[in-house]
Protein backbone atom coordinates (compact mmCIF):
# COMPACT_ATOMS: atom_id res chain seq x y z
CA MET A 1 129.85 -122.12 -120.40
CA LYS A 2 131.45 -118.65 -120.42
CA VAL A 3 129.80 -116.20 -118.01
CA ILE A 4 130.07 -112.45 -117.45
CA ILE A 5 129.03 -111.02 -114.06
CA ILE A 6 127.87 -107.41 -113.74
CA GLU A 7 127.79 -106.52 -110.04
CA ASP A 8 128.97 -103.43 -108.15
CA GLU A 9 129.17 -105.12 -104.73
CA TYR A 10 132.46 -107.02 -104.41
CA TYR A 11 131.26 -109.62 -101.91
CA ALA A 12 128.03 -110.24 -103.84
CA ALA A 13 130.09 -110.85 -107.00
CA GLU A 14 132.46 -113.22 -105.17
CA LYS A 15 129.54 -115.14 -103.65
CA LEU A 16 127.88 -115.50 -107.05
CA LYS A 17 131.16 -116.70 -108.62
CA LYS A 18 131.60 -119.30 -105.87
CA GLU A 19 128.04 -120.63 -106.13
CA LEU A 20 128.16 -120.83 -109.94
CA LEU A 21 131.37 -122.87 -109.83
CA GLN A 22 129.89 -125.13 -107.18
CA LEU A 23 126.85 -125.78 -109.37
CA ASP A 24 128.92 -126.34 -112.53
CA GLY A 25 132.68 -126.73 -112.47
CA GLN A 26 132.80 -126.17 -116.24
CA ILE A 27 131.66 -122.56 -115.92
CA GLU A 28 134.31 -119.98 -116.80
CA ILE A 29 133.95 -116.47 -115.36
CA VAL A 30 135.15 -114.30 -118.25
CA GLU A 31 134.91 -110.91 -116.51
CA VAL A 32 133.32 -109.09 -113.57
CA LEU A 33 132.09 -105.55 -114.33
CA ASP A 34 130.80 -103.08 -111.75
CA SER A 35 129.41 -100.10 -113.68
CA CYS A 36 127.59 -98.96 -116.80
CA ALA A 37 130.81 -97.26 -117.96
CA GLN A 38 132.74 -100.53 -117.72
CA CYS A 39 129.96 -102.33 -119.61
CA LEU A 40 130.00 -99.80 -122.43
CA SER A 41 133.77 -100.14 -122.76
CA PHE A 42 133.97 -103.91 -122.36
CA PHE A 43 131.14 -104.89 -124.72
CA LYS A 44 132.54 -102.88 -127.63
CA THR A 45 134.86 -105.82 -128.42
CA PRO A 46 134.06 -108.53 -125.85
CA PRO A 47 135.74 -111.97 -125.80
CA PRO A 48 133.42 -114.95 -126.49
CA TYR A 49 130.78 -115.47 -123.82
CA ASP A 50 127.46 -117.28 -123.45
CA LEU A 51 125.51 -115.79 -120.55
CA ILE A 52 125.35 -112.63 -118.42
CA PHE A 53 124.44 -112.35 -114.75
CA SER A 54 123.61 -108.71 -114.09
CA ASP A 55 122.66 -106.64 -111.07
CA ILE A 56 120.33 -103.75 -111.96
CA HIS A 57 121.51 -100.96 -109.66
CA LEU A 58 125.17 -100.35 -110.52
CA ALA A 59 127.68 -97.81 -109.20
CA ASP A 60 126.79 -95.25 -111.86
CA GLY A 61 123.14 -96.01 -112.70
CA LEU A 62 120.79 -98.73 -113.90
CA CYS A 63 122.25 -101.45 -116.11
CA PHE A 64 119.43 -100.81 -118.62
CA ASN A 65 121.06 -97.49 -119.48
CA ALA A 66 124.06 -99.37 -120.83
CA PHE A 67 122.09 -102.25 -122.36
CA GLU A 68 119.95 -99.87 -124.41
CA LYS A 69 123.09 -98.53 -126.09
CA LEU A 70 124.77 -101.91 -126.50
CA GLN A 71 121.81 -103.92 -127.87
CA LEU A 72 123.20 -107.19 -126.53
CA SER A 73 122.00 -110.44 -128.10
CA LYS A 74 123.07 -112.92 -125.40
CA PRO A 75 120.66 -114.00 -122.64
CA ILE A 76 120.75 -112.24 -119.27
CA ILE A 77 119.84 -113.48 -115.79
CA PHE A 78 119.12 -110.47 -113.61
CA THR A 79 120.14 -110.44 -109.94
CA THR A 80 118.68 -107.66 -107.81
CA ALA A 81 117.15 -106.71 -104.49
CA TYR A 82 114.26 -104.96 -106.27
CA ASP A 83 111.24 -106.61 -107.89
CA LYS A 84 109.90 -103.51 -109.68
CA TYR A 85 112.14 -103.92 -112.76
CA ALA A 86 110.93 -107.39 -113.77
CA LEU A 87 109.03 -106.31 -116.89
CA GLN A 88 111.90 -104.14 -118.11
CA ALA A 89 114.31 -107.03 -117.48
CA PHE A 90 112.37 -109.41 -119.70
CA ASP A 91 112.28 -106.72 -122.35
CA THR A 92 116.11 -106.76 -122.32
CA ASN A 93 116.95 -110.39 -123.20
CA GLY A 94 116.19 -111.50 -119.65
CA ILE A 95 115.49 -115.18 -119.13
CA ASP A 96 115.19 -115.08 -115.33
CA TYR A 97 114.95 -112.60 -112.45
CA LEU A 98 116.60 -113.56 -109.16
CA LEU A 99 115.86 -111.55 -106.03
CA LYS A 100 118.67 -111.08 -103.53
CA PRO A 101 119.69 -112.79 -101.37
CA ILE A 102 119.94 -115.38 -104.12
CA GLN A 103 119.00 -118.90 -103.07
CA SER A 104 121.16 -121.74 -104.41
CA ASP A 105 118.16 -123.72 -105.66
CA ARG A 106 116.86 -120.71 -107.61
CA LEU A 107 120.28 -120.15 -109.11
CA ALA A 108 120.36 -123.81 -110.18
CA GLN A 109 116.92 -123.42 -111.76
CA SER A 110 118.14 -120.40 -113.71
CA LEU A 111 121.08 -122.34 -115.12
CA GLU A 112 118.73 -125.18 -116.01
CA LYS A 113 116.43 -122.74 -117.80
CA TYR A 114 119.40 -121.42 -119.77
CA GLN A 115 120.41 -124.96 -120.76
CA THR A 116 116.84 -125.66 -121.87
CA LEU A 117 116.89 -122.63 -124.14
CA GLN A 118 120.25 -123.64 -125.57
CA SER A 119 119.12 -127.19 -126.29
CA ALA A 120 116.00 -126.03 -128.13
CA GLN A 121 116.51 -126.83 -131.80
CA SER A 122 114.25 -124.08 -133.05
CA GLN A 123 116.46 -121.06 -133.76
CA ASN A 124 113.76 -118.62 -132.72
CA ALA A 125 112.71 -120.44 -129.55
CA PRO A 126 114.70 -118.27 -127.07
CA HIS A 127 113.18 -115.07 -128.44
CA LYS A 128 109.72 -116.59 -128.11
CA VAL A 129 110.47 -117.50 -124.51
CA TYR A 130 111.47 -113.89 -123.75
CA ALA A 131 108.23 -112.67 -125.28
CA HIS A 132 106.22 -115.28 -123.43
CA LEU A 133 107.71 -114.42 -120.04
CA LYS A 134 107.23 -110.73 -120.72
CA SER A 135 103.58 -111.30 -121.58
CA LEU A 136 103.02 -113.18 -118.32
CA LEU A 137 104.34 -110.20 -116.37
CA SER A 138 102.54 -107.52 -118.35
CA ASP A 139 99.22 -109.36 -117.96
CA ALA A 140 99.58 -109.63 -114.17
CA GLY A 141 96.73 -107.21 -113.41
CA ARG A 142 94.42 -108.29 -116.22
CA GLU A 143 90.91 -109.67 -115.69
CA TYR A 144 90.41 -113.19 -117.07
CA LYS A 145 87.28 -115.16 -117.86
CA SER A 146 85.68 -116.68 -114.75
CA ARG A 147 82.99 -118.89 -116.34
CA PHE A 148 81.68 -120.18 -119.67
CA LEU A 149 78.06 -120.46 -120.78
CA CYS A 150 77.32 -123.81 -122.44
CA LYS A 151 74.17 -125.12 -124.09
CA LEU A 152 73.19 -128.78 -123.56
CA GLY A 153 70.05 -129.59 -125.53
CA ASN A 154 67.34 -127.36 -124.04
CA LYS A 155 69.43 -126.51 -120.98
CA ILE A 156 72.01 -123.80 -120.38
CA LYS A 157 74.82 -124.38 -117.92
CA SER A 158 77.48 -121.99 -116.58
CA ILE A 159 80.88 -123.67 -116.06
CA PRO A 160 83.20 -121.95 -113.54
CA THR A 161 86.79 -121.64 -114.70
CA GLU A 162 88.15 -123.21 -111.50
CA SER A 163 86.44 -126.51 -112.39
CA ILE A 164 87.96 -126.72 -115.90
CA MET A 165 90.73 -129.27 -116.45
CA TYR A 166 91.34 -128.60 -120.14
CA PHE A 167 89.90 -127.41 -123.44
CA TYR A 168 90.21 -129.34 -126.68
CA SER A 169 89.05 -129.10 -130.27
CA LYS A 170 87.84 -131.89 -132.53
CA ASP A 171 85.97 -131.91 -135.83
CA LYS A 172 85.82 -128.09 -135.86
CA MET A 173 84.17 -128.00 -132.43
CA THR A 174 85.61 -126.89 -129.07
CA PHE A 175 84.90 -128.60 -125.76
CA ILE A 176 85.46 -128.08 -122.04
CA VAL A 177 86.33 -131.05 -119.84
CA ASP A 178 85.79 -130.43 -116.14
CA GLU A 179 87.10 -132.15 -113.01
CA LYS A 180 84.12 -134.59 -113.07
CA GLN A 181 85.13 -135.59 -116.62
CA SER A 182 81.97 -133.99 -118.03
CA ARG A 183 82.29 -132.60 -121.54
CA TYR A 184 80.62 -129.38 -122.72
CA PRO A 185 80.63 -127.76 -126.19
CA ILE A 186 81.35 -124.03 -126.31
CA ASN A 187 81.12 -121.36 -129.00
CA HIS A 188 84.75 -120.28 -128.90
CA THR A 189 87.83 -121.36 -130.82
CA LEU A 190 90.98 -122.37 -128.96
CA ASP A 191 92.67 -119.23 -130.31
CA GLU A 192 89.97 -117.13 -128.63
CA ILE A 193 90.14 -119.13 -125.39
CA ASP A 194 93.92 -118.80 -125.27
CA GLY A 195 93.52 -115.05 -124.74
CA MET A 196 90.75 -115.42 -122.15
CA MET A 197 92.52 -117.65 -119.63
CA ASP A 198 95.04 -116.72 -116.95
CA PRO A 199 98.45 -117.84 -118.32
CA LYS A 200 99.64 -118.66 -114.79
CA ASP A 201 97.18 -121.57 -114.76
CA PHE A 202 96.49 -122.47 -118.41
CA PHE A 203 98.90 -123.34 -121.22
CA ARG A 204 98.36 -123.95 -124.95
CA LEU A 205 99.95 -127.35 -125.60
CA ASN A 206 99.26 -127.46 -129.35
CA ARG A 207 96.49 -126.76 -131.85
CA GLN A 208 94.13 -129.18 -130.11
CA TYR A 209 94.66 -128.63 -126.37
CA ILE A 210 94.78 -125.90 -123.71
CA THR A 211 95.32 -127.39 -120.27
CA HIS A 212 95.18 -126.32 -116.64
CA PHE A 213 98.32 -127.05 -114.62
CA ARG A 214 96.55 -129.56 -112.37
CA SER A 215 95.44 -131.62 -115.37
CA ILE A 216 99.02 -132.55 -116.29
CA HIS A 217 99.66 -136.11 -115.15
CA GLU A 218 102.95 -137.01 -116.85
CA ILE A 219 105.59 -135.29 -118.99
CA HIS A 220 108.12 -137.21 -121.06
CA PRO A 221 110.96 -135.99 -123.30
CA TYR A 222 110.24 -136.87 -126.93
CA PHE A 223 112.06 -136.85 -130.24
CA LYS A 224 113.75 -133.67 -131.54
CA GLY A 225 113.27 -131.66 -128.35
CA ARG A 226 109.52 -132.21 -128.18
CA LEU A 227 107.52 -133.21 -125.09
CA LYS A 228 104.90 -135.94 -124.71
CA ILE A 229 102.12 -135.00 -122.28
CA LYS A 230 99.61 -137.23 -120.50
CA LEU A 231 96.60 -135.36 -119.13
CA THR A 232 94.72 -136.77 -116.16
CA LEU A 233 91.33 -137.07 -117.87
CA ALA A 234 92.25 -137.05 -121.57
CA HIS A 235 91.35 -140.01 -123.75
CA GLU A 236 94.23 -139.36 -126.14
CA ASP A 237 97.46 -140.98 -124.89
CA ASP A 238 100.05 -138.97 -126.83
CA ILE A 239 99.64 -135.20 -126.72
CA ILE A 240 102.76 -133.77 -128.31
CA VAL A 241 104.21 -130.33 -127.59
CA SER A 242 106.34 -129.09 -130.47
CA THR A 243 110.07 -128.33 -130.38
CA GLU A 244 109.24 -124.63 -130.56
CA ARG A 245 106.72 -124.65 -127.69
CA SER A 246 108.62 -127.03 -125.39
CA PRO A 247 110.89 -124.29 -123.92
CA LEU A 248 107.81 -122.13 -123.33
CA MET A 249 106.15 -124.97 -121.44
CA ARG A 250 109.26 -125.64 -119.36
CA SER A 251 109.36 -121.96 -118.41
CA TRP A 252 105.65 -122.02 -117.56
CA LEU A 253 106.12 -125.08 -115.34
CA ASP A 254 109.13 -123.47 -113.65
CA ARG A 255 107.43 -120.20 -112.69
C-alpha cells in the first residue's frame, strides 16, 4: 500500500510513519507534505499512491482549501486535534477521522476499514460508504421516532423504540419484533421506517430486515463479499447482506 502523509508537525509525521510501518511492513510512505502549497504542487502530477493521511490545520491554512482545488479521488483518513471538521472531512473523500493523540488501535481500525473498502467488489461501494458516514454525522441532532402505534384486533398498543429488536417485511406486510419475541403489524413500509430510526442503533440489512445492533447474534463472511447475519430472535437462518451493503455494515459496526 502506497501512502501519502500530510502533516505540518515533524514529530507527529514521524510518529505516524513509525506506527504505520509497525502495523503493516508492506506500507510505503511515498511523500510527506506539510502545507497546502506543497499539496497543490505535488498533486498536479503525483506518483502512484493508494491512501492519504491528512492533518487538517496545516502551516498555511486548512487542508480543505487545497483539496477543493485538487478534487482528489483517493480515500483520505483525517488526523487532527479538532472534532469540529468531521462533517466536512467526510464530504472530502474521508473514510475515517482520527483525533490526536492517535491511538494505535484506532489507527489499526482505520487501515482495516480501508482494506474493507478496497476488497468490496462493487465499484461504487466506497462512494456509498462516504455518503453513509456523512449522513450519520449530519443527522446527529435529528429527532427520531420513539414509539410505534400498533393495532391488535380491538386493542391498540404503543411499542417503545428501545424494546424493538428488528423490523421485517413479509407478504407485503411489515412487522415489529420486540425483546420478548412478540410480533406486531405496523402501517409503515421498511423504506419509511429506515428514515425514522436512529442510524447509530438501526441498520437496513436488505429489503426484508432492519435490525437493532443488539439483535445481531452472529456475522459470517459469505460468497462474493457478502455477509450472512444471524439475528437473536429471527426465525430465518440466513439473512444475507449484499456485496454493496456489506462495507456500509462494517462501517456501522465499527463506529
